PDB file of all heavy atoms in Angstrom:
ATOM      1  N   VAL A   1      45.241  42.068  52.190  1.00  0.00           N
ATOM      2  CA  VAL A   1      46.076  41.438  51.185  1.00  0.00           C
ATOM      3  C   VAL A   1      46.306  42.491  50.122  1.00  0.00           C
ATOM      4  O   VAL A   1      45.408  43.140  49.576  1.00  0.00           O
ATOM      5  CB  VAL A   1      45.394  40.202  50.543  1.00  0.00           C
ATOM      6  CG1 VAL A   1      46.263  39.661  49.382  1.00  0.00           C
ATOM      7  CG2 VAL A   1      45.171  39.135  51.515  1.00  0.00           C
ATOM      8  N   GLN A   2      47.555  42.649  49.708  1.00  0.00           N
ATOM      9  CA  GLN A   2      47.935  43.500  48.663  1.00  0.00           C
ATOM     10  C   GLN A   2      48.209  42.641  47.390  1.00  0.00           C
ATOM     11  O   GLN A   2      49.042  41.698  47.456  1.00  0.00           O
ATOM     12  CB  GLN A   2      49.111  44.351  48.967  1.00  0.00           C
ATOM     13  CG  GLN A   2      48.786  45.414  50.021  1.00  0.00           C
ATOM     14  CD  GLN A   2      49.907  46.434  50.149  1.00  0.00           C
ATOM     15  OE1 GLN A   2      51.034  46.151  49.807  1.00  0.00           O
ATOM     16  NE2 GLN A   2      49.636  47.501  50.770  1.00  0.00           N
ATOM     17  N   LEU A   3      47.595  43.020  46.298  1.00  0.00           N
ATOM     18  CA  LEU A   3      47.809  42.274  45.038  1.00  0.00           C
ATOM     19  C   LEU A   3      48.477  43.208  44.031  1.00  0.00           C
ATOM     20  O   LEU A   3      48.048  44.324  43.870  1.00  0.00           O
ATOM     21  CB  LEU A   3      46.447  41.860  44.440  1.00  0.00           C
ATOM     22  CG  LEU A   3      45.542  40.959  45.358  1.00  0.00           C
ATOM     23  CD1 LEU A   3      44.247  40.673  44.671  1.00  0.00           C
ATOM     24  CD2 LEU A   3      46.297  39.621  45.707  1.00  0.00           C
ATOM     25  N   THR A   4      49.525  42.719  43.372  1.00  0.00           N
ATOM     26  CA  THR A   4      50.272  43.550  42.480  1.00  0.00           C
ATOM     27  C   THR A   4      50.367  42.762  41.149  1.00  0.00           C
ATOM     28  O   THR A   4      51.001  41.740  41.076  1.00  0.00           O
ATOM     29  CB  THR A   4      51.673  43.798  43.020  1.00  0.00           C
ATOM     30  OG1 THR A   4      51.561  44.406  44.299  1.00  0.00           O
ATOM     31  CG2 THR A   4      52.478  44.708  42.105  1.00  0.00           C
ATOM     32  N   GLU A   5      49.827  43.406  40.081  1.00  0.00           N
ATOM     33  CA  GLU A   5      49.940  42.873  38.805  1.00  0.00           C
ATOM     34  C   GLU A   5      51.148  43.361  38.034  1.00  0.00           C
ATOM     35  O   GLU A   5      51.649  44.441  38.352  1.00  0.00           O
ATOM     36  CB  GLU A   5      48.701  43.230  37.930  1.00  0.00           C
ATOM     37  CG  GLU A   5      47.345  42.862  38.457  1.00  0.00           C
ATOM     38  CD  GLU A   5      46.660  43.994  39.234  1.00  0.00           C
ATOM     39  OE1 GLU A   5      47.433  44.881  39.796  1.00  0.00           O
ATOM     40  OE2 GLU A   5      45.408  43.987  39.334  1.00  0.00           O
ATOM     41  N   SER A   6      51.609  42.531  37.122  1.00  0.00           N
ATOM     42  CA  SER A   6      52.762  42.898  36.337  1.00  0.00           C
ATOM     43  C   SER A   6      52.633  42.111  34.993  1.00  0.00           C
ATOM     44  O   SER A   6      51.957  41.143  34.903  1.00  0.00           O
ATOM     45  CB  SER A   6      54.119  42.655  36.980  1.00  0.00           C
ATOM     46  OG  SER A   6      54.217  41.317  37.273  1.00  0.00           O
ATOM     47  N   GLY A   7      53.473  42.575  34.046  1.00  0.00           N
ATOM     48  CA  GLY A   7      53.501  41.823  32.765  1.00  0.00           C
ATOM     49  C   GLY A   7      52.757  42.444  31.638  1.00  0.00           C
ATOM     50  O   GLY A   7      52.768  42.000  30.523  1.00  0.00           O
ATOM     51  N   GLY A   8      51.983  43.509  31.876  1.00  0.00           N
ATOM     52  CA  GLY A   8      51.287  44.198  30.825  1.00  0.00           C
ATOM     53  C   GLY A   8      52.195  44.923  29.915  1.00  0.00           C
ATOM     54  O   GLY A   8      53.440  45.045  30.208  1.00  0.00           O
ATOM     55  N   GLY A   9      51.662  45.450  28.767  1.00  0.00           N
ATOM     56  CA  GLY A   9      52.450  46.194  27.842  1.00  0.00           C
ATOM     57  C   GLY A   9      51.823  46.317  26.505  1.00  0.00           C
ATOM     58  O   GLY A   9      50.586  46.035  26.368  1.00  0.00           O
ATOM     59  N   LEU A  10      52.544  46.691  25.531  1.00  0.00           N
ATOM     60  CA  LEU A  10      52.149  46.802  24.188  1.00  0.00           C
ATOM     61  C   LEU A  10      52.653  45.633  23.358  1.00  0.00           C
ATOM     62  O   LEU A  10      53.877  45.335  23.386  1.00  0.00           O
ATOM     63  CB  LEU A  10      52.727  48.124  23.586  1.00  0.00           C
ATOM     64  CG  LEU A  10      52.448  48.405  22.094  1.00  0.00           C
ATOM     65  CD1 LEU A  10      50.928  48.504  21.806  1.00  0.00           C
ATOM     66  CD2 LEU A  10      53.174  49.685  21.672  1.00  0.00           C
ATOM     67  N   VAL A  11      51.772  45.040  22.571  1.00  0.00           N
ATOM     68  CA  VAL A  11      52.063  43.905  21.852  1.00  0.00           C
ATOM     69  C   VAL A  11      51.319  43.970  20.485  1.00  0.00           C
ATOM     70  O   VAL A  11      50.150  44.526  20.466  1.00  0.00           O
ATOM     71  CB  VAL A  11      51.809  42.512  22.559  1.00  0.00           C
ATOM     72  CG1 VAL A  11      50.326  42.389  22.851  1.00  0.00           C
ATOM     73  CG2 VAL A  11      52.380  41.370  21.870  1.00  0.00           C
ATOM     74  N   GLU A  12      51.848  43.382  19.481  1.00  0.00           N
ATOM     75  CA  GLU A  12      51.190  43.318  18.179  1.00  0.00           C
ATOM     76  C   GLU A  12      50.093  42.254  18.187  1.00  0.00           C
ATOM     77  O   GLU A  12      50.225  41.221  18.925  1.00  0.00           O
ATOM     78  CB  GLU A  12      52.111  43.156  17.022  1.00  0.00           C
ATOM     79  CG  GLU A  12      53.114  44.271  16.763  1.00  0.00           C
ATOM     80  CD  GLU A  12      53.989  44.079  15.654  1.00  0.00           C
ATOM     81  OE1 GLU A  12      54.026  43.010  15.057  1.00  0.00           O
ATOM     82  OE2 GLU A  12      54.675  45.053  15.215  1.00  0.00           O
ATOM     83  N   ALA A  13      49.132  42.440  17.341  1.00  0.00           N
ATOM     84  CA  ALA A  13      48.097  41.372  17.209  1.00  0.00           C
ATOM     85  C   ALA A  13      48.759  40.066  16.872  1.00  0.00           C
ATOM     86  O   ALA A  13      49.695  40.036  16.068  1.00  0.00           O
ATOM     87  CB  ALA A  13      47.065  41.764  16.147  1.00  0.00           C
ATOM     88  N   GLY A  14      48.252  38.964  17.521  1.00  0.00           N
ATOM     89  CA  GLY A  14      48.786  37.646  17.291  1.00  0.00           C
ATOM     90  C   GLY A  14      49.945  37.329  18.332  1.00  0.00           C
ATOM     91  O   GLY A  14      50.333  36.171  18.345  1.00  0.00           O
ATOM     92  N   GLY A  15      50.360  38.323  19.046  1.00  0.00           N
ATOM     93  CA  GLY A  15      51.393  38.110  20.004  1.00  0.00           C
ATOM     94  C   GLY A  15      50.980  37.560  21.335  1.00  0.00           C
ATOM     95  O   GLY A  15      49.733  37.206  21.496  1.00  0.00           O
ATOM     96  N   SER A  16      51.803  37.469  22.354  1.00  0.00           N
ATOM     97  CA  SER A  16      51.535  36.862  23.577  1.00  0.00           C
ATOM     98  C   SER A  16      52.047  37.724  24.762  1.00  0.00           C
ATOM     99  O   SER A  16      53.048  38.440  24.554  1.00  0.00           O
ATOM    100  CB  SER A  16      52.167  35.422  23.727  1.00  0.00           C
ATOM    101  OG  SER A  16      51.639  34.584  22.658  1.00  0.00           O
ATOM    102  N   LEU A  17      51.403  37.542  25.780  1.00  0.00           N
ATOM    103  CA  LEU A  17      51.912  38.221  27.109  1.00  0.00           C
ATOM    104  C   LEU A  17      51.483  37.244  28.277  1.00  0.00           C
ATOM    105  O   LEU A  17      50.513  36.545  28.145  1.00  0.00           O
ATOM    106  CB  LEU A  17      51.223  39.582  27.348  1.00  0.00           C
ATOM    107  CG  LEU A  17      51.669  40.786  26.531  1.00  0.00           C
ATOM    108  CD1 LEU A  17      50.769  41.959  26.824  1.00  0.00           C
ATOM    109  CD2 LEU A  17      53.123  41.127  26.830  1.00  0.00           C
ATOM    110  N   ARG A  18      52.263  37.404  29.287  1.00  0.00           N
ATOM    111  CA  ARG A  18      51.968  36.646  30.544  1.00  0.00           C
ATOM    112  C   ARG A  18      51.863  37.634  31.681  1.00  0.00           C
ATOM    113  O   ARG A  18      52.832  38.341  32.007  1.00  0.00           O
ATOM    114  CB  ARG A  18      52.960  35.595  30.904  1.00  0.00           C
ATOM    115  CG  ARG A  18      52.552  34.740  32.092  1.00  0.00           C
ATOM    116  CD  ARG A  18      53.444  33.539  32.349  1.00  0.00           C
ATOM    117  NE  ARG A  18      54.591  33.969  33.134  1.00  0.00           N
ATOM    118  CZ  ARG A  18      55.311  33.165  33.897  1.00  0.00           C
ATOM    119  NH1 ARG A  18      54.992  31.903  33.985  1.00  0.00           N
ATOM    120  NH2 ARG A  18      56.387  33.557  34.572  1.00  0.00           N
ATOM    121  N   LEU A  19      50.675  37.732  32.188  1.00  0.00           N
ATOM    122  CA  LEU A  19      50.431  38.602  33.425  1.00  0.00           C
ATOM    123  C   LEU A  19      50.658  37.768  34.661  1.00  0.00           C
ATOM    124  O   LEU A  19      50.449  36.625  34.741  1.00  0.00           O
ATOM    125  CB  LEU A  19      49.056  39.131  33.428  1.00  0.00           C
ATOM    126  CG  LEU A  19      48.557  39.893  32.147  1.00  0.00           C
ATOM    127  CD1 LEU A  19      47.174  40.461  32.345  1.00  0.00           C
ATOM    128  CD2 LEU A  19      49.563  41.053  31.809  1.00  0.00           C
ATOM    129  N   SER A  20      51.219  38.508  35.661  1.00  0.00           N
ATOM    130  CA  SER A  20      51.430  37.881  37.007  1.00  0.00           C
ATOM    131  C   SER A  20      50.710  38.716  38.034  1.00  0.00           C
ATOM    132  O   SER A  20      50.553  39.901  37.888  1.00  0.00           O
ATOM    133  CB  SER A  20      52.899  37.852  37.301  1.00  0.00           C
ATOM    134  OG  SER A  20      53.657  37.031  36.414  1.00  0.00           O
ATOM    135  N   CYS A  21      50.232  38.000  39.093  1.00  0.00           N
ATOM    136  CA  CYS A  21      49.609  38.735  40.209  1.00  0.00           C
ATOM    137  C   CYS A  21      50.247  38.154  41.445  1.00  0.00           C
ATOM    138  O   CYS A  21      50.008  37.053  41.838  1.00  0.00           O
ATOM    139  CB  CYS A  21      48.133  38.475  40.128  1.00  0.00           C
ATOM    140  SG  CYS A  21      47.146  39.127  41.701  1.00  0.00           S
ATOM    141  N   ALA A  22      51.027  38.974  42.072  1.00  0.00           N
ATOM    142  CA  ALA A  22      51.716  38.600  43.281  1.00  0.00           C
ATOM    143  C   ALA A  22      50.873  39.125  44.498  1.00  0.00           C
ATOM    144  O   ALA A  22      50.541  40.271  44.600  1.00  0.00           O
ATOM    145  CB  ALA A  22      53.140  39.107  43.396  1.00  0.00           C
ATOM    146  N   ALA A  23      50.742  38.201  45.528  1.00  0.00           N
ATOM    147  CA  ALA A  23      50.045  38.516  46.728  1.00  0.00           C
ATOM    148  C   ALA A  23      50.970  38.701  47.881  1.00  0.00           C
ATOM    149  O   ALA A  23      51.882  37.876  48.060  1.00  0.00           O
ATOM    150  CB  ALA A  23      49.000  37.458  47.023  1.00  0.00           C
ATOM    151  N   SER A  24      50.691  39.801  48.648  1.00  0.00           N
ATOM    152  CA  SER A  24      51.534  39.950  49.861  1.00  0.00           C
ATOM    153  C   SER A  24      51.137  38.944  50.935  1.00  0.00           C
ATOM    154  O   SER A  24      50.009  38.427  50.915  1.00  0.00           O
ATOM    155  CB  SER A  24      51.288  41.397  50.348  1.00  0.00           C
ATOM    156  OG  SER A  24      49.953  41.519  50.789  1.00  0.00           O
ATOM    157  N   GLU A  25      52.094  38.708  51.861  1.00  0.00           N
ATOM    158  CA  GLU A  25      51.828  37.808  52.910  1.00  0.00           C
ATOM    159  C   GLU A  25      50.865  38.489  53.917  1.00  0.00           C
ATOM    160  O   GLU A  25      50.970  39.630  54.200  1.00  0.00           O
ATOM    161  CB  GLU A  25      53.082  37.383  53.562  1.00  0.00           C
ATOM    162  CG  GLU A  25      54.031  36.492  52.716  1.00  0.00           C
ATOM    163  CD  GLU A  25      55.124  35.931  53.457  1.00  0.00           C
ATOM    164  OE1 GLU A  25      55.279  36.232  54.684  1.00  0.00           O
ATOM    165  OE2 GLU A  25      55.967  35.283  52.855  1.00  0.00           O
ATOM    166  N   VAL A  26      49.979  37.660  54.445  1.00  0.00           N
ATOM    167  CA  VAL A  26      49.080  38.177  55.499  1.00  0.00           C
ATOM    168  C   VAL A  26      49.156  37.271  56.686  1.00  0.00           C
ATOM    169  O   VAL A  26      48.989  36.051  56.551  1.00  0.00           O
ATOM    170  CB  VAL A  26      47.629  38.182  54.977  1.00  0.00           C
ATOM    171  CG1 VAL A  26      46.629  38.622  56.079  1.00  0.00           C
ATOM    172  CG2 VAL A  26      47.496  39.044  53.803  1.00  0.00           C
ATOM    173  N   PRO A  27      49.414  37.797  57.874  1.00  0.00           N
ATOM    174  CA  PRO A  27      49.485  36.956  59.042  1.00  0.00           C
ATOM    175  C   PRO A  27      48.221  36.140  59.217  1.00  0.00           C
ATOM    176  O   PRO A  27      47.075  36.652  59.140  1.00  0.00           O
ATOM    177  CB  PRO A  27      49.650  38.019  60.183  1.00  0.00           C
ATOM    178  CG  PRO A  27      50.261  39.160  59.534  1.00  0.00           C
ATOM    179  CD  PRO A  27      49.626  39.155  58.105  1.00  0.00           C
ATOM    180  N   GLY A  28      48.375  34.851  59.349  1.00  0.00           N
ATOM    181  CA  GLY A  28      47.250  34.033  59.606  1.00  0.00           C
ATOM    182  C   GLY A  28      46.581  33.540  58.353  1.00  0.00           C
ATOM    183  O   GLY A  28      45.600  32.771  58.420  1.00  0.00           O
ATOM    184  N   ARG A  29      46.929  34.093  57.226  1.00  0.00           N
ATOM    185  CA  ARG A  29      46.294  33.619  55.996  1.00  0.00           C
ATOM    186  C   ARG A  29      47.359  33.151  55.029  1.00  0.00           C
ATOM    187  O   ARG A  29      48.509  33.594  54.996  1.00  0.00           O
ATOM    188  CB  ARG A  29      45.621  34.810  55.335  1.00  0.00           C
ATOM    189  CG  ARG A  29      44.507  35.475  56.159  1.00  0.00           C
ATOM    190  CD  ARG A  29      43.350  34.562  56.342  1.00  0.00           C
ATOM    191  NE  ARG A  29      42.590  34.151  55.163  1.00  0.00           N
ATOM    192  CZ  ARG A  29      41.624  34.918  54.530  1.00  0.00           C
ATOM    193  NH1 ARG A  29      41.331  36.049  55.086  1.00  0.00           N
ATOM    194  NH2 ARG A  29      41.044  34.506  53.476  1.00  0.00           N
ATOM    195  N   THR A  30      47.059  32.188  54.136  1.00  0.00           N
ATOM    196  CA  THR A  30      47.927  31.799  53.147  1.00  0.00           C
ATOM    197  C   THR A  30      47.287  31.974  51.754  1.00  0.00           C
ATOM    198  O   THR A  30      46.044  32.034  51.661  1.00  0.00           O
ATOM    199  CB  THR A  30      48.232  30.280  53.318  1.00  0.00           C
ATOM    200  OG1 THR A  30      47.015  29.498  53.231  1.00  0.00           O
ATOM    201  CG2 THR A  30      48.837  29.998  54.664  1.00  0.00           C
ATOM    202  N   PHE A  31      48.086  32.102  50.757  1.00  0.00           N
ATOM    203  CA  PHE A  31      47.668  32.392  49.439  1.00  0.00           C
ATOM    204  C   PHE A  31      46.718  31.284  48.955  1.00  0.00           C
ATOM    205  O   PHE A  31      45.795  31.503  48.237  1.00  0.00           O
ATOM    206  CB  PHE A  31      48.938  32.491  48.491  1.00  0.00           C
ATOM    207  CG  PHE A  31      48.574  32.812  47.046  1.00  0.00           C
ATOM    208  CD1 PHE A  31      48.122  34.043  46.703  1.00  0.00           C
ATOM    209  CD2 PHE A  31      48.659  31.789  46.078  1.00  0.00           C
ATOM    210  CE1 PHE A  31      47.779  34.363  45.353  1.00  0.00           C
ATOM    211  CE2 PHE A  31      48.374  32.083  44.791  1.00  0.00           C
ATOM    212  CZ  PHE A  31      47.886  33.333  44.376  1.00  0.00           C
ATOM    213  N   SER A  32      47.016  30.049  49.418  1.00  0.00           N
ATOM    214  CA  SER A  32      46.179  28.890  48.915  1.00  0.00           C
ATOM    215  C   SER A  32      44.783  28.984  49.498  1.00  0.00           C
ATOM    216  O   SER A  32      43.876  28.238  49.083  1.00  0.00           O
ATOM    217  CB  SER A  32      46.836  27.608  49.369  1.00  0.00           C
ATOM    218  OG  SER A  32      46.994  27.483  50.755  1.00  0.00           O
ATOM    219  N   GLY A  33      44.535  29.866  50.489  1.00  0.00           N
ATOM    220  CA  GLY A  33      43.224  30.037  51.042  1.00  0.00           C
ATOM    221  C   GLY A  33      42.313  30.933  50.140  1.00  0.00           C
ATOM    222  O   GLY A  33      41.151  31.147  50.544  1.00  0.00           O
ATOM    223  N   PHE A  34      42.835  31.500  49.089  1.00  0.00           N
ATOM    224  CA  PHE A  34      42.067  32.414  48.300  1.00  0.00           C
ATOM    225  C   PHE A  34      41.647  31.895  46.978  1.00  0.00           C
ATOM    226  O   PHE A  34      42.447  31.307  46.270  1.00  0.00           O
ATOM    227  CB  PHE A  34      42.897  33.726  48.074  1.00  0.00           C
ATOM    228  CG  PHE A  34      43.199  34.563  49.331  1.00  0.00           C
ATOM    229  CD1 PHE A  34      44.336  34.452  49.954  1.00  0.00           C
ATOM    230  CD2 PHE A  34      42.169  35.421  49.869  1.00  0.00           C
ATOM    231  CE1 PHE A  34      44.606  35.254  51.086  1.00  0.00           C
ATOM    232  CE2 PHE A  34      42.390  36.152  50.997  1.00  0.00           C
ATOM    233  CZ  PHE A  34      43.564  36.070  51.631  1.00  0.00           C
ATOM    234  N   THR A  35      40.443  32.164  46.615  1.00  0.00           N
ATOM    235  CA  THR A  35      40.004  31.970  45.194  1.00  0.00           C
ATOM    236  C   THR A  35      40.456  33.257  44.509  1.00  0.00           C
ATOM    237  O   THR A  35      40.325  34.302  45.010  1.00  0.00           O
ATOM    238  CB  THR A  35      38.463  31.821  45.136  1.00  0.00           C
ATOM    239  OG1 THR A  35      38.036  30.673  45.831  1.00  0.00           O
ATOM    240  CG2 THR A  35      38.048  31.716  43.736  1.00  0.00           C
ATOM    241  N   MET A  36      41.002  33.083  43.300  1.00  0.00           N
ATOM    242  CA  MET A  36      41.602  34.163  42.621  1.00  0.00           C
ATOM    243  C   MET A  36      40.933  34.350  41.193  1.00  0.00           C
ATOM    244  O   MET A  36      40.278  33.389  40.606  1.00  0.00           O
ATOM    245  CB  MET A  36      43.039  33.967  42.295  1.00  0.00           C
ATOM    246  CG  MET A  36      43.871  33.727  43.639  1.00  0.00           C
ATOM    247  SD  MET A  36      43.978  35.183  44.658  1.00  0.00           S
ATOM    248  CE  MET A  36      44.960  36.243  43.591  1.00  0.00           C
TER     249      MET A  36
END
């Protein structure tokens, strides 16, 4: 499984960010089968 994070960056104190982690497809496995 390949995991790719995105959404990081520079922000001022008090600000907000949303990180994402996208998982590649794996034959025979589904994303819902993983604890993250």
